[in-house]
Amino acid sequence: MSGIPRIKVNNYHTFFYQYEFSLLDALESQNIPAPYNCRGGYCGCCKARLLDGEVEYVQDSLVDLKDDEILTCSCRPVTHIEVELTED
């Protein structure tokens, strides 16, 4: 894919990735409330479902994930993505 990845969150908020370090940083830059704790891939608090697209990991994670799960603190989009954040 060429161009800037588009990020769609919970079927309503869409924005373009601005090359922040992680998806969590990108969400925060858009004032989207995203859960987190450690920011290092250790706790799993930032776990989200990847509904569509592809991400790459920018730091290692110690959390076991299902095939459709990602850690927003540890990855960034490679293609247009659609994610579902948990709502606590």
Protein backbone atom coordinates (compact mmCIF):
# COMPACT_ATOMS: atom_id res chain seq x y z
CA MET A 1 0.00 0.00 0.00
CA SER A 2 1.23 3.47 -0.74
CA GLY A 3 0.03 6.57 1.04
CA ILE A 4 -0.89 7.32 4.62
CA PRO A 5 -2.75 4.56 6.48
CA ARG A 6 -6.32 5.38 7.52
CA ILE A 7 -7.44 4.28 10.99
CA LYS A 8 -11.11 3.56 11.70
CA VAL A 9 -12.08 3.10 15.36
CA ASN A 10 -15.26 1.44 16.66
CA ASN A 11 -17.13 2.01 13.39
CA TYR A 12 -17.40 5.78 13.83
CA HIS A 13 -14.11 7.68 14.19
CA THR A 14 -11.76 7.77 11.19
CA PHE A 15 -8.45 9.59 10.89
CA PHE A 16 -5.12 9.30 9.10
CA TYR A 17 -2.02 7.96 10.83
CA GLN A 18 0.58 10.71 11.34
CA TYR A 19 3.56 8.43 12.00
CA GLU A 20 3.41 8.45 15.78
CA PHE A 21 5.47 5.77 17.55
CA SER A 22 2.49 3.48 18.19
CA LEU A 23 -1.19 3.11 17.46
CA LEU A 24 -1.88 4.10 21.08
CA ASP A 25 0.00 7.38 20.55
CA ALA A 26 -2.01 7.97 17.35
CA LEU A 27 -5.29 7.37 19.20
CA GLU A 28 -4.27 9.76 21.97
CA SER A 29 -3.29 12.44 19.46
CA GLN A 30 -6.91 12.29 18.21
CA ASN A 31 -8.31 12.47 21.78
CA ILE A 32 -9.78 9.00 21.47
CA PRO A 33 -10.01 7.43 24.93
CA ALA A 34 -8.02 4.22 24.67
CA PRO A 35 -7.25 1.99 27.64
CA TYR A 36 -3.61 1.47 28.61
CA ASN A 37 -1.34 0.99 31.59
CA CYS A 38 2.29 0.01 30.98
CA ARG A 39 2.85 1.28 27.38
CA GLY A 40 5.41 -1.51 26.99
CA GLY A 41 3.48 -4.61 25.90
CA TYR A 42 3.53 -6.25 29.33
CA CYS A 43 0.06 -5.83 30.85
CA GLY A 44 -2.42 -6.25 27.99
CA CYS A 45 -4.64 -3.34 29.08
CA CYS A 46 -4.48 -1.81 25.59
CA LYS A 47 -5.65 -4.97 23.84
CA ALA A 48 -7.96 -4.27 20.90
CA ARG A 49 -9.52 -6.24 18.04
CA LEU A 50 -8.06 -5.75 14.58
CA LEU A 51 -11.09 -6.03 12.30
CA ASP A 52 -9.34 -5.21 9.05
CA GLY A 53 -5.87 -4.33 7.78
CA GLU A 54 -2.34 -5.06 8.89
CA VAL A 55 -0.10 -3.76 11.68
CA GLU A 56 3.57 -4.18 12.49
CA TYR A 57 4.98 -4.45 15.97
CA VAL A 58 7.46 -1.78 17.05
CA GLN A 59 8.27 -3.43 20.38
CA ASP A 60 8.02 -6.95 21.76
CA SER A 61 5.01 -8.06 23.76
CA LEU A 62 4.70 -10.53 26.61
CA VAL A 63 0.92 -10.88 26.26
CA ASP A 64 -0.72 -13.88 24.58
CA LEU A 65 -3.01 -12.62 21.84
CA LYS A 66 -5.70 -14.21 19.70
CA ASP A 67 -5.34 -13.97 15.92
CA ASP A 68 -7.55 -10.88 15.73
CA GLU A 69 -6.07 -9.05 18.74
CA ILE A 70 -3.38 -6.39 18.89
CA LEU A 71 -1.74 -4.27 21.57
CA THR A 72 -2.15 -0.62 20.62
CA CYS A 73 0.95 0.37 22.62
CA SER A 74 3.18 -1.99 20.66
CA CYS A 75 2.12 -1.71 17.03
CA ARG A 76 1.48 0.75 14.23
CA PRO A 77 -0.54 0.46 11.01
CA VAL A 78 1.04 -0.77 7.80
CA THR A 79 -2.20 -0.55 5.77
CA HIS A 80 -5.58 1.04 6.34
CA ILE A 81 -6.92 -0.55 9.52
CA GLU A 82 -10.17 -0.89 11.41
CA VAL A 83 -9.97 -1.54 15.16
CA GLU A 84 -12.45 -2.14 17.93
CA LEU A 85 -11.47 -0.76 21.32
CA THR A 86 -12.94 -2.25 24.46
CA GLU A 87 -15.28 0.03 26.33
CA ASP A 88 -14.96 -0.29 30.07
